C-alpha cells in the first residue's frame, strides 16, 4: 500500500475531521516533495528541521501554519510509520507568533444582527452558534438525537478536540427546536415514502448499525430543503445545510445590519466566550464549554475582556 494511502486509512480509523485530514495530507505531501520524494522512514530530525525552517524563511508562513505542518509530520511518524520522535529534540527556525485579538460583537450588536434574519433556519443556526459557542462544523453536524430536552442540553460528539462535551440548551430555543424537529419528522416520513430517507453516518456506525441511517433520530437537525446525490456514495439523501449556503445568508444579514466589523460564524463563537467571561464565568468552565484542548487557547479571551474594559479606554487627548 502506498504511503499516502496508509495515511488515509489511519485518518479514517482515528475519525479525524475532513478538514484536518485535508490539511495533514497536504503537508505530508509537501514534506516528501521538499525532500526529493525520499521515503520518510529514511529521514528524521535533520530533514524535518530543514523543512520547517524553509516554511518560515522562504514561504513566510505564519506560526499557526507552521505548527499545522509540524503536527502533520508528527502524525505521519507516530501514527502511520510507528516511529517515535519524542527524544529527537527537533529545533527549527520557528515562524514568529502573532497574537491576534479576535473580533467580538457586543450583546447589542448580536441582537441587532439576529434581527436582520427572517424567522427561518438560518436565524436558528446563528442563535445556536452564539447561544452555545459552537464551531460551524459542529452546528451543521447536529442530529436530532443530540438534543436532550429532559436535561435541556446539547451533546457535541467527536468535536475538533476529539472529545465529547455537553452544553446548556438556550431556554429561548427550546420551542423553535421542537417545532423544527416536528417539521423534520414530516419531511422524513415523506422521504421514506418516496424511497429516500437515509442519512450519512460515520463508517464505523454504518457497519455496526446497518439500518440506522433511515432512523429519524440520526437525521440532521438543520436539513437542506431538497434531497441530493451524495458525491461520495452516489446515494440520494437529505444532507445538512451547507456551510457556504449558511455563510451567504449570514453575509446578507451582516450587510443589512450596518455593523462595520468583519463578521463570520466564528465571530459569534468568540463573542460567546467573551460574554461568558464578562459575566463572571471562570476560565476553566469556558475552556470545557468551548471544547479547547489547551487552556492557553481559551486565555486569549482574557486579553479581549481586558482590552474592552471601560477603565482601559482612555487617551491623554481627552484631558486637554
C-alpha atoms as a PDB file:
ATOM      1  CA  UNK A   1       0.000   0.000   0.000  1.00  0.00           C
ATOM      2  CA  UNK A   2       1.314   3.440  -0.945  1.00  0.00           C
ATOM      3  CA  UNK A   3       2.303   5.785   1.866  1.00  0.00           C
ATOM      4  CA  UNK A   4      -0.446   8.349   1.287  1.00  0.00           C
ATOM      5  CA  UNK A   5      -2.987   5.512   1.148  1.00  0.00           C
ATOM      6  CA  UNK A   6      -1.711   4.389   4.552  1.00  0.00           C
ATOM      7  CA  UNK A   7      -2.176   7.944   5.782  1.00  0.00           C
ATOM      8  CA  UNK A   8      -5.779   7.970   4.511  1.00  0.00           C
ATOM      9  CA  UNK A   9      -6.547   4.664   6.215  1.00  0.00           C
ATOM     10  CA  UNK A  10      -5.149   5.835   9.546  1.00  0.00           C
ATOM     11  CA  UNK A  11      -7.016   9.170   9.321  1.00  0.00           C
ATOM     12  CA  UNK A  12     -10.310   7.342   8.724  1.00  0.00           C
ATOM     13  CA  UNK A  13      -9.589   4.867  11.504  1.00  0.00           C
ATOM     14  CA  UNK A  14      -8.980   7.681  14.001  1.00  0.00           C
ATOM     15  CA  UNK A  15     -12.072   9.548  12.709  1.00  0.00           C
ATOM     16  CA  UNK A  16     -10.315  12.855  12.129  1.00  0.00           C
ATOM     17  CA  UNK A  17     -12.447  15.588  10.592  1.00  0.00           C
ATOM     18  CA  UNK A  18     -12.402  16.055   6.815  1.00  0.00           C
ATOM     19  CA  UNK A  19     -10.680  19.436   7.228  1.00  0.00           C
ATOM     20  CA  UNK A  20      -7.919  18.010   9.435  1.00  0.00           C
ATOM     21  CA  UNK A  21      -7.453  15.114   7.019  1.00  0.00           C
ATOM     22  CA  UNK A  22      -7.102  17.514   4.084  1.00  0.00           C
ATOM     23  CA  UNK A  23      -4.518  19.642   5.920  1.00  0.00           C
ATOM     24  CA  UNK A  24      -2.483  16.620   7.057  1.00  0.00           C
ATOM     25  CA  UNK A  25      -2.399  15.054   3.593  1.00  0.00           C
ATOM     26  CA  UNK A  26      -1.274  18.351   2.071  1.00  0.00           C
ATOM     27  CA  UNK A  27       1.636  18.914   4.466  1.00  0.00           C
ATOM     28  CA  UNK A  28       2.795  15.316   4.389  1.00  0.00           C
ATOM     29  CA  UNK A  29       2.930  15.513   0.620  1.00  0.00           C
ATOM     30  CA  UNK A  30       4.806  18.852   0.774  1.00  0.00           C
ATOM     31  CA  UNK A  31       7.322  17.377   3.220  1.00  0.00           C
ATOM     32  CA  UNK A  32       8.006  14.440   0.897  1.00  0.00           C
ATOM     33  CA  UNK A  33       8.305  16.643  -2.204  1.00  0.00           C
ATOM     34  CA  UNK A  34      10.651  19.026  -0.381  1.00  0.00           C
ATOM     35  CA  UNK A  35      12.966  16.088   0.269  1.00  0.00           C
ATOM     36  CA  UNK A  36      13.002  14.905  -3.353  1.00  0.00           C
ATOM     37  CA  UNK A  37      10.385  12.205  -2.744  1.00  0.00           C
ATOM     38  CA  UNK A  38      12.515  10.258  -0.294  1.00  0.00           C
ATOM     39  CA  UNK A  39      10.567   7.909   1.956  1.00  0.00           C
ATOM     40  CA  UNK A  40      10.001   9.498   5.395  1.00  0.00           C
ATOM     41  CA  UNK A  41      11.286   6.333   7.086  1.00  0.00           C
ATOM     42  CA  UNK A  42      14.700   7.153   5.614  1.00  0.00           C
ATOM     43  CA  UNK A  43      14.593  10.662   7.073  1.00  0.00           C
ATOM     44  CA  UNK A  44      14.284  12.198  10.515  1.00  0.00           C
ATOM     45  CA  UNK A  45      15.282  15.136  12.687  1.00  0.00           C
ATOM     46  CA  UNK A  46      17.526  16.917  10.135  1.00  0.00           C
ATOM     47  CA  UNK A  47      15.050  16.756   7.262  1.00  0.00           C
ATOM     48  CA  UNK A  48      12.136  17.813   9.464  1.00  0.00           C
ATOM     49  CA  UNK A  49      14.075  20.815  10.787  1.00  0.00           C
ATOM     50  CA  UNK A  50      15.117  21.838   7.284  1.00  0.00           C
ATOM     51  CA  UNK A  51      11.526  21.651   6.050  1.00  0.00           C
ATOM     52  CA  UNK A  52      10.093  23.663   8.956  1.00  0.00           C
ATOM     53  CA  UNK A  53      12.840  26.272   8.598  1.00  0.00           C
ATOM     54  CA  UNK A  54      12.126  26.510   4.867  1.00  0.00           C
ATOM     55  CA  UNK A  55       8.458  27.200   5.619  1.00  0.00           C
ATOM     56  CA  UNK A  56       9.385  30.049   7.971  1.00  0.00           C
ATOM     57  CA  UNK A  57      12.168  31.645   5.922  1.00  0.00           C
ATOM     58  CA  UNK A  58      11.141  31.095   2.295  1.00  0.00           C
ATOM     59  CA  UNK A  59       7.400  30.590   2.310  1.00  0.00           C
ATOM     60  CA  UNK A  60       6.900  33.066   5.150  1.00  0.00           C
ATOM     61  CA  UNK A  61       4.088  31.037   6.684  1.00  0.00           C
ATOM     62  CA  UNK A  62       2.501  32.022   9.983  1.00  0.00           C
ATOM     63  CA  UNK A  63       3.287  30.255  13.237  1.00  0.00           C
ATOM     64  CA  UNK A  64      -0.123  28.574  13.097  1.00  0.00           C
ATOM     65  CA  UNK A  65       0.506  27.204   9.607  1.00  0.00           C
ATOM     66  CA  UNK A  66       3.982  26.012  10.548  1.00  0.00           C
ATOM     67  CA  UNK A  67       2.527  24.211  13.555  1.00  0.00           C
ATOM     68  CA  UNK A  68      -0.057  22.552  11.303  1.00  0.00           C
ATOM     69  CA  UNK A  69       2.760  21.241   9.100  1.00  0.00           C
ATOM     70  CA  UNK A  70       4.703  20.014  12.121  1.00  0.00           C
ATOM     71  CA  UNK A  71       1.636  18.252  13.553  1.00  0.00           C
ATOM     72  CA  UNK A  72       1.045  16.561  10.200  1.00  0.00           C
ATOM     73  CA  UNK A  73       4.632  15.280  10.148  1.00  0.00           C
ATOM     74  CA  UNK A  74       4.366  14.052  13.739  1.00  0.00           C
ATOM     75  CA  UNK A  75       1.151  12.251  12.798  1.00  0.00           C
ATOM     76  CA  UNK A  76       2.952  10.617   9.884  1.00  0.00           C
ATOM     77  CA  UNK A  77       5.806   9.315  12.019  1.00  0.00           C
ATOM     78  CA  UNK A  78       3.905   8.416  15.185  1.00  0.00           C
ATOM     79  CA  UNK A  79       0.595   7.111  13.858  1.00  0.00           C
ATOM     80  CA  UNK A  80       1.422   5.795  10.384  1.00  0.00           C
ATOM     81  CA  UNK A  81       5.079   4.729  10.460  1.00  0.00           C
ATOM     82  CA  UNK A  82       5.168   3.946  14.196  1.00  0.00           C
ATOM     83  CA  UNK A  83       8.452   5.847  14.539  1.00  0.00           C
ATOM     84  CA  UNK A  84       8.926   7.843  17.748  1.00  0.00           C
ATOM     85  CA  UNK A  85      10.387  11.358  17.577  1.00  0.00           C
ATOM     86  CA  UNK A  86       9.995  12.079  21.288  1.00  0.00           C
ATOM     87  CA  UNK A  87      13.716  12.148  22.056  1.00  0.00           C
ATOM     88  CA  UNK A  88      14.805  13.856  18.849  1.00  0.00           C
ATOM     89  CA  UNK A  89      14.557  17.411  20.270  1.00  0.00           C
ATOM     90  CA  UNK A  90      13.574  18.864  16.910  1.00  0.00           C
ATOM     91  CA  UNK A  91      14.652  22.507  16.615  1.00  0.00           C
ATOM     92  CA  UNK A  92      13.860  24.669  13.645  1.00  0.00           C
ATOM     93  CA  UNK A  93      13.608  28.376  12.995  1.00  0.00           C
ATOM     94  CA  UNK A  94      10.033  28.981  14.081  1.00  0.00           C
ATOM     95  CA  UNK A  95       7.721  31.432  12.403  1.00  0.00           C
ATOM     96  CA  UNK A  96       7.011  34.484  14.520  1.00  0.00           C
ATOM     97  CA  UNK A  97       3.896  34.051  16.593  1.00  0.00           C
ATOM     98  CA  UNK A  98       1.485  36.940  16.254  1.00  0.00           C
ATOM     99  CA  UNK A  99      -1.195  37.424  18.866  1.00  0.00           C
ATOM    100  CA  UNK A 100      -4.446  38.239  17.107  1.00  0.00           C
ATOM    101  CA  UNK A 101      -7.251  39.546  19.266  1.00  0.00           C
ATOM    102  CA  UNK A 102     -10.428  38.047  17.813  1.00  0.00           C
ATOM    103  CA  UNK A 103     -13.237  40.273  16.621  1.00  0.00           C
ATOM    104  CA  UNK A 104     -16.162  40.191  19.036  1.00  0.00           C
ATOM    105  CA  UNK A 105     -19.622  41.687  18.944  1.00  0.00           C
ATOM    106  CA  UNK A 106     -21.290  43.391  21.866  1.00  0.00           C
ATOM    107  CA  UNK A 107     -24.549  41.836  23.128  1.00  0.00           C
ATOM    108  CA  UNK A 108     -26.379  44.747  21.488  1.00  0.00           C
ATOM    109  CA  UNK A 109     -24.700  44.033  18.156  1.00  0.00           C
ATOM    110  CA  UNK A 110     -25.533  40.320  18.387  1.00  0.00           C
ATOM    111  CA  UNK A 111     -29.199  41.135  18.967  1.00  0.00           C
ATOM    112  CA  UNK A 112     -29.204  43.643  16.106  1.00  0.00           C
ATOM    113  CA  UNK A 113     -27.607  41.083  13.780  1.00  0.00           C
ATOM    114  CA  UNK A 114     -30.190  38.436  14.718  1.00  0.00           C
ATOM    115  CA  UNK A 115     -32.968  40.923  13.985  1.00  0.00           C
ATOM    116  CA  UNK A 116     -31.832  41.081  10.342  1.00  0.00           C
ATOM    117  CA  UNK A 117     -32.828  37.459   9.722  1.00  0.00           C
ATOM    118  CA  UNK A 118     -36.321  36.325   8.935  1.00  0.00           C
ATOM    119  CA  UNK A 119     -37.589  33.675  11.351  1.00  0.00           C
ATOM    120  CA  UNK A 120     -36.002  30.904   9.328  1.00  0.00           C
ATOM    121  CA  UNK A 121     -33.470  28.122   9.709  1.00  0.00           C
ATOM    122  CA  UNK A 122     -30.515  30.476   9.190  1.00  0.00           C
ATOM    123  CA  UNK A 123     -31.576  32.608  12.151  1.00  0.00           C
ATOM    124  CA  UNK A 124     -31.868  29.476  14.299  1.00  0.00           C
ATOM    125  CA  UNK A 125     -28.416  28.323  13.197  1.00  0.00           C
ATOM    126  CA  UNK A 126     -26.991  31.742  14.117  1.00  0.00           C
ATOM    127  CA  UNK A 127     -28.715  31.677  17.505  1.00  0.00           C
ATOM    128  CA  UNK A 128     -27.311  28.202  18.116  1.00  0.00           C
ATOM    129  CA  UNK A 129     -23.748  29.188  17.221  1.00  0.00           C
ATOM    130  CA  UNK A 130     -23.862  32.188  19.545  1.00  0.00           C
ATOM    131  CA  UNK A 131     -26.028  30.581  22.232  1.00  0.00           C
ATOM    132  CA  UNK A 132     -23.780  27.522  22.552  1.00  0.00           C
ATOM    133  CA  UNK A 133     -20.432  28.794  21.255  1.00  0.00           C
ATOM    134  CA  UNK A 134     -20.271  26.146  18.546  1.00  0.00           C
ATOM    135  CA  UNK A 135     -17.937  25.813  15.607  1.00  0.00           C
ATOM    136  CA  UNK A 136     -19.802  25.962  12.317  1.00  0.00           C
ATOM    137  CA  UNK A 137     -18.958  22.304  11.604  1.00  0.00           C
ATOM    138  CA  UNK A 138     -20.394  21.309  14.985  1.00  0.00           C
ATOM    139  CA  UNK A 139     -23.704  23.085  14.475  1.00  0.00           C
ATOM    140  CA  UNK A 140     -24.123  21.721  10.951  1.00  0.00           C
ATOM    141  CA  UNK A 141     -23.473  18.160  12.143  1.00  0.00           C
ATOM    142  CA  UNK A 142     -26.076  18.279  14.912  1.00  0.00           C
ATOM    143  CA  UNK A 143     -28.529  15.401  14.687  1.00  0.00           C
ATOM    144  CA  UNK A 144     -31.984  15.000  16.224  1.00  0.00           C
ATOM    145  CA  UNK A 145     -30.639  12.665  18.908  1.00  0.00           C
ATOM    146  CA  UNK A 146     -28.115  15.292  20.087  1.00  0.00           C
ATOM    147  CA  UNK A 147     -30.822  17.450  21.652  1.00  0.00           C
ATOM    148  CA  UNK A 148     -31.750  16.301  25.159  1.00  0.00           C
ATOM    149  CA  UNK A 149     -34.912  18.146  26.183  1.00  0.00           C
ATOM    150  CA  UNK A 150     -35.274  16.345  29.519  1.00  0.00           C
ATOM    151  CA  UNK A 151     -31.986  17.788  30.737  1.00  0.00           C
ATOM    152  CA  UNK A 152     -32.037  20.872  28.473  1.00  0.00           C
ATOM    153  CA  UNK A 153     -28.640  20.144  26.975  1.00  0.00           C
ATOM    154  CA  UNK A 154     -26.988  19.679  23.586  1.00  0.00           C
ATOM    155  CA  UNK A 155     -24.369  16.974  23.110  1.00  0.00           C
ATOM    156  CA  UNK A 156     -21.429  17.543  20.776  1.00  0.00           C
ATOM    157  CA  UNK A 157     -19.837  14.267  19.708  1.00  0.00           C
ATOM    158  CA  UNK A 158     -16.278  13.831  18.413  1.00  0.00           C
ATOM    159  CA  UNK A 159     -15.554  17.520  18.099  1.00  0.00           C
ATOM    160  CA  UNK A 160     -12.289  19.035  16.880  1.00  0.00           C
ATOM    161  CA  UNK A 161     -10.683  18.241  20.241  1.00  0.00           C
ATOM    162  CA  UNK A 162     -11.642  14.556  19.760  1.00  0.00           C
ATOM    163  CA  UNK A 163     -13.690  14.609  22.975  1.00  0.00           C
ATOM    164  CA  UNK A 164     -17.433  14.836  23.565  1.00  0.00           C
ATOM    165  CA  UNK A 165     -18.989  17.648  25.542  1.00  0.00           C
ATOM    166  CA  UNK A 166     -22.357  18.719  26.910  1.00  0.00           C
ATOM    167  CA  UNK A 167     -23.678  22.283  26.595  1.00  0.00           C
ATOM    168  CA  UNK A 168     -26.662  24.035  28.193  1.00  0.00           C
ATOM    169  CA  UNK A 169     -29.532  24.414  25.734  1.00  0.00           C
ATOM    170  CA  UNK A 170     -30.614  28.070  25.447  1.00  0.00           C
ATOM    171  CA  UNK A 171     -34.067  28.286  27.010  1.00  0.00           C
ATOM    172  CA  UNK A 172     -35.476  30.530  24.300  1.00  0.00           C
ATOM    173  CA  UNK A 173     -34.530  27.991  21.634  1.00  0.00           C
ATOM    174  CA  UNK A 174     -36.367  25.005  23.145  1.00  0.00           C
ATOM    175  CA  UNK A 175     -39.647  25.661  21.328  1.00  0.00           C
ATOM    176  CA  UNK A 176     -38.005  26.581  17.983  1.00  0.00           C
ATOM    177  CA  UNK A 177     -36.010  23.332  18.177  1.00  0.00           C
ATOM    178  CA  UNK A 178     -39.135  21.317  18.928  1.00  0.00           C
ATOM    179  CA  UNK A 179     -41.022  22.972  16.071  1.00  0.00           C
ATOM    180  CA  UNK A 180     -38.129  22.268  13.686  1.00  0.00           C
ATOM    181  CA  UNK A 181     -37.942  18.631  14.781  1.00  0.00           C
ATOM    182  CA  UNK A 182     -41.679  18.183  14.185  1.00  0.00           C
ATOM    183  CA  UNK A 183     -41.275  19.687  10.730  1.00  0.00           C
ATOM    184  CA  UNK A 184     -38.281  17.457  10.015  1.00  0.00           C
ATOM    185  CA  UNK A 185     -40.302  14.430  11.126  1.00  0.00           C
ATOM    186  CA  UNK A 186     -42.954  15.094   8.484  1.00  0.00           C
ATOM    187  CA  UNK A 187     -40.293  15.618   5.825  1.00  0.00           C
ATOM    188  CA  UNK A 188     -38.525  12.398   6.826  1.00  0.00           C
ATOM    189  CA  UNK A 189     -41.720  10.355   6.577  1.00  0.00           C
ATOM    190  CA  UNK A 190     -42.339  11.809   3.124  1.00  0.00           C
ATOM    191  CA  UNK A 191     -38.765  10.945   2.090  1.00  0.00           C
ATOM    192  CA  UNK A 192     -39.214   7.363   3.276  1.00  0.00           C
ATOM    193  CA  UNK A 193     -42.435   7.010   1.319  1.00  0.00           C
ATOM    194  CA  UNK A 194     -40.548   8.066  -1.823  1.00  0.00           C
ATOM    195  CA  UNK A 195     -37.729   5.584  -1.286  1.00  0.00           C
ATOM    196  CA  UNK A 196     -35.268   8.034   0.278  1.00  0.00           C
ATOM    197  CA  UNK A 197     -34.850   8.884   3.971  1.00  0.00           C
ATOM    198  CA  UNK A 198     -31.282   7.723   4.594  1.00  0.00           C
ATOM    199  CA  UNK A 199     -28.605   9.967   6.058  1.00  0.00           C
ATOM    200  CA  UNK A 200     -24.823   9.871   6.017  1.00  0.00           C
ATOM    201  CA  UNK A 201     -23.307   8.080   9.013  1.00  0.00           C
ATOM    202  CA  UNK A 202     -19.710   7.600  10.124  1.00  0.00           C
ATOM    203  CA  UNK A 203     -18.326   4.393   8.622  1.00  0.00           C
ATOM    204  CA  UNK A 204     -17.994   2.580  11.940  1.00  0.00           C
ATOM    205  CA  UNK A 205     -21.616   3.273  12.895  1.00  0.00           C
ATOM    206  CA  UNK A 206     -22.874   2.280   9.462  1.00  0.00           C
ATOM    207  CA  UNK A 207     -21.200  -1.102   9.813  1.00  0.00           C
ATOM    208  CA  UNK A 208     -22.402  -1.595  13.387  1.00  0.00           C
ATOM    209  CA  UNK A 209     -25.971  -0.394  12.783  1.00  0.00           C
ATOM    210  CA  UNK A 210     -26.696  -1.018   9.071  1.00  0.00           C
ATOM    211  CA  UNK A 211     -30.291   0.300   9.286  1.00  0.00           C
ATOM    212  CA  UNK A 212     -29.616   3.307  11.499  1.00  0.00           C
ATOM    213  CA  UNK A 213     -29.248   5.683   8.544  1.00  0.00           C
ATOM    214  CA  UNK A 214     -33.027   5.562   7.993  1.00  0.00           C
ATOM    215  CA  UNK A 215     -33.955   6.176  11.633  1.00  0.00           C
ATOM    216  CA  UNK A 216     -35.289   9.639  12.392  1.00  0.00           C
ATOM    217  CA  UNK A 217     -33.040  10.238  15.407  1.00  0.00           C
ATOM    218  CA  UNK A 218     -29.962  10.110  13.150  1.00  0.00           C
ATOM    219  CA  UNK A 219     -31.278  12.754  10.738  1.00  0.00           C
ATOM    220  CA  UNK A 220     -29.589  16.152  10.704  1.00  0.00           C
ATOM    221  CA  UNK A 221     -31.278  18.903  12.705  1.00  0.00           C
ATOM    222  CA  UNK A 222     -30.545  21.626  10.150  1.00  0.00           C
ATOM    223  CA  UNK A 223     -31.506  19.950   6.886  1.00  0.00           C
ATOM    224  CA  UNK A 224     -31.389  21.043   3.283  1.00  0.00           C
ATOM    225  CA  UNK A 225     -34.674  21.786   1.540  1.00  0.00           C
ATOM    226  CA  UNK A 226     -34.121  19.114  -1.089  1.00  0.00           C
ATOM    227  CA  UNK A 227     -32.561  15.676  -1.320  1.00  0.00           C
ATOM    228  CA  UNK A 228     -29.355  15.473  -3.357  1.00  0.00           C
ATOM    229  CA  UNK A 229     -26.837  12.908  -4.543  1.00  0.00           C
ATOM    230  CA  UNK A 230     -24.066  12.186  -2.058  1.00  0.00           C
ATOM    231  CA  UNK A 231     -20.813  12.747  -4.014  1.00  0.00           C
ATOM    232  CA  UNK A 232     -19.047  10.031  -2.000  1.00  0.00           C
ATOM    233  CA  UNK A 233     -21.568   7.204  -2.211  1.00  0.00           C
ATOM    234  CA  UNK A 234     -23.871   8.302  -5.023  1.00  0.00           C
ATOM    235  CA  UNK A 235     -26.876   7.755  -2.717  1.00  0.00           C
ATOM    236  CA  UNK A 236     -29.690  10.287  -2.973  1.00  0.00           C
ATOM    237  CA  UNK A 237     -30.340  11.593   0.539  1.00  0.00           C
ATOM    238  CA  UNK A 238     -31.048  14.733   2.574  1.00  0.00           C
ATOM    239  CA  UNK A 239     -27.859  16.388   3.796  1.00  0.00           C
ATOM    240  CA  UNK A 240     -27.373  19.187   6.316  1.00  0.00           C
ATOM    241  CA  UNK A 241     -27.318  22.845   5.287  1.00  0.00           C
ATOM    242  CA  UNK A 242     -24.054  23.604   3.507  1.00  0.00           C
ATOM    243  CA  UNK A 243     -21.557  25.907   5.207  1.00  0.00           C
ATOM    244  CA  UNK A 244     -21.377  28.013   2.053  1.00  0.00           C
ATOM    245  CA  UNK A 245     -25.167  28.426   1.989  1.00  0.00           C
ATOM    246  CA  UNK A 246     -25.245  29.498   5.618  1.00  0.00           C
ATOM    247  CA  UNK A 247     -22.296  31.882   5.174  1.00  0.00           C
ATOM    248  CA  UNK A 248     -24.052  33.522   2.242  1.00  0.00           C
ATOM    249  CA  UNK A 249     -27.158  34.163   4.363  1.00  0.00           C
ATOM    250  CA  UNK A 250     -25.050  35.392   7.284  1.00  0.00           C
ATOM    251  CA  UNK A 251     -23.268  37.860   4.996  1.00  0.00           C
ATOM    252  CA  UNK A 252     -26.627  39.226   3.826  1.00  0.00           C
ATOM    253  CA  UNK A 253     -27.664  39.811   7.437  1.00  0.00           C
ATOM    254  CA  UNK A 254     -24.340  41.481   8.226  1.00  0.00           C
ATOM    255  CA  UNK A 255     -24.768  43.905   5.315  1.00  0.00           C
ATOM    256  CA  UNK A 256     -28.320  44.740   6.408  1.00  0.00           C
ATOM    257  CA  UNK A 257     -27.157  45.296   9.985  1.00  0.00           C
ATOM    258  CA  UNK A 258     -24.708  48.044   9.069  1.00  0.00           C
ATOM    259  CA  UNK A 259     -22.205  46.683  11.594  1.00  0.00           C
ATOM    260  CA  UNK A 260     -18.766  47.592  10.278  1.00  0.00           C
ATOM    261  CA  UNK A 261     -16.827  44.635  11.620  1.00  0.00           C
ATOM    262  CA  UNK A 262     -15.541  41.541   9.886  1.00  0.00           C
ATOM    263  CA  UNK A 263     -18.171  39.028  10.968  1.00  0.00           C
ATOM    264  CA  UNK A 264     -18.114  35.279  10.309  1.00  0.00           C
ATOM    265  CA  UNK A 265     -19.719  32.362  12.112  1.00  0.00           C
ATOM    266  CA  UNK A 266     -16.580  32.127  14.243  1.00  0.00           C
ATOM    267  CA  UNK A 267     -17.060  35.736  15.367  1.00  0.00           C
ATOM    268  CA  UNK A 268     -20.221  34.569  17.135  1.00  0.00           C
ATOM    269  CA  UNK A 269     -18.245  31.817  18.875  1.00  0.00           C
ATOM    270  CA  UNK A 270     -15.652  34.377  20.009  1.00  0.00           C
ATOM    271  CA  UNK A 271     -18.464  36.625  21.250  1.00  0.00           C
ATOM    272  CA  UNK A 272     -19.986  33.732  23.238  1.00  0.00           C
ATOM    273  CA  UNK A 273     -16.733  33.101  25.117  1.00  0.00           C
ATOM    274  CA  UNK A 274     -16.106  36.805  25.715  1.00  0.00           C
ATOM    275  CA  UNK A 275     -19.608  37.432  27.044  1.00  0.00           C
ATOM    276  CA  UNK A 276     -19.371  34.438  29.398  1.00  0.00           C
ATOM    277  CA  UNK A 277     -16.094  35.756  30.767  1.00  0.00           C
ATOM    278  CA  UNK A 278     -17.586  39.226  31.210  1.00  0.00           C
ATOM    279  CA  UNK A 279     -20.481  37.614  33.091  1.00  0.00           C
ATOM    280  CA  UNK A 280     -18.049  36.122  35.600  1.00  0.00           C
ATOM    281  CA  UNK A 281     -17.861  32.512  34.344  1.00  0.00           C
ATOM    282  CA  UNK A 282     -14.463  31.063  35.246  1.00  0.00           C
ATOM    283  CA  UNK A 283     -11.937  30.379  32.507  1.00  0.00           C
ATOM    284  CA  UNK A 284     -11.767  26.605  33.122  1.00  0.00           C
ATOM    285  CA  UNK A 285     -15.504  26.261  32.626  1.00  0.00           C
ATOM    286  CA  UNK A 286     -15.310  28.287  29.418  1.00  0.00           C
ATOM    287  CA  UNK A 287     -12.492  26.034  28.206  1.00  0.00           C
ATOM    288  CA  UNK A 288     -14.746  22.995  28.666  1.00  0.00           C
ATOM    289  CA  UNK A 289     -17.722  24.663  27.010  1.00  0.00           C
ATOM    290  CA  UNK A 290     -15.607  25.725  24.031  1.00  0.00           C
ATOM    291  CA  UNK A 291     -14.022  22.293  23.668  1.00  0.00           C
ATOM    292  CA  UNK A 292     -10.466  23.639  23.783  1.00  0.00           C
ATOM    293  CA  UNK A 293      -7.693  21.117  24.392  1.00  0.00           C
ATOM    294  CA  UNK A 294      -5.409  23.734  25.896  1.00  0.00           C
ATOM    295  CA  UNK A 295      -6.270  26.407  28.454  1.00  0.00           C
ATOM    296  CA  UNK A 296      -3.821  28.659  26.617  1.00  0.00           C
ATOM    297  CA  UNK A 297      -6.225  28.789  23.670  1.00  0.00           C
ATOM    298  CA  UNK A 298      -9.039  29.988  25.927  1.00  0.00           C
ATOM    299  CA  UNK A 299      -6.841  32.547  27.693  1.00  0.00           C
ATOM    300  CA  UNK A 300      -6.937  34.807  24.623  1.00  0.00           C
ATOM    301  CA  UNK A 301     -10.399  35.914  25.775  1.00  0.00           C
ATOM    302  CA  UNK A 302      -8.948  37.321  28.989  1.00  0.00           C
ATOM    303  CA  UNK A 303      -6.931  39.683  26.791  1.00  0.00           C
ATOM    304  CA  UNK A 304     -10.078  40.599  24.883  1.00  0.00           C
ATOM    305  CA  UNK A 305     -12.046  41.340  28.045  1.00  0.00           C
ATOM    306  CA  UNK A 306      -9.174  43.370  29.471  1.00  0.00           C
ATOM    307  CA  UNK A 307      -8.941  45.381  26.270  1.00  0.00           C
ATOM    308  CA  UNK A 308     -12.706  46.012  26.312  1.00  0.00           C
ATOM    309  CA  UNK A 309     -12.722  47.120  29.949  1.00  0.00           C
ATOM    310  CA  UNK A 310     -14.001  50.648  30.500  1.00  0.00           C
ATOM    311  CA  UNK A 311     -11.038  51.571  32.739  1.00  0.00           C
ATOM    312  CA  UNK A 312      -8.632  50.808  29.885  1.00  0.00           C
ATOM    313  CA  UNK A 313     -10.360  53.192  27.500  1.00  0.00           C
ATOM    314  CA  UNK A 314      -8.577  56.478  27.968  1.00  0.00           C
ATOM    315  CA  UNK A 315      -6.469  58.884  25.988  1.00  0.00           C
ATOM    316  CA  UNK A 316      -4.370  61.861  27.128  1.00  0.00           C
ATOM    317  CA  UNK A 317      -6.155  63.886  24.427  1.00  0.00           C
ATOM    318  CA  UNK A 318      -9.331  63.685  26.495  1.00  0.00           C
ATOM    319  CA  UNK A 319      -7.599  65.506  29.382  1.00  0.00           C
ATOM    320  CA  UNK A 320      -6.508  68.556  27.407  1.00  0.00           C
END
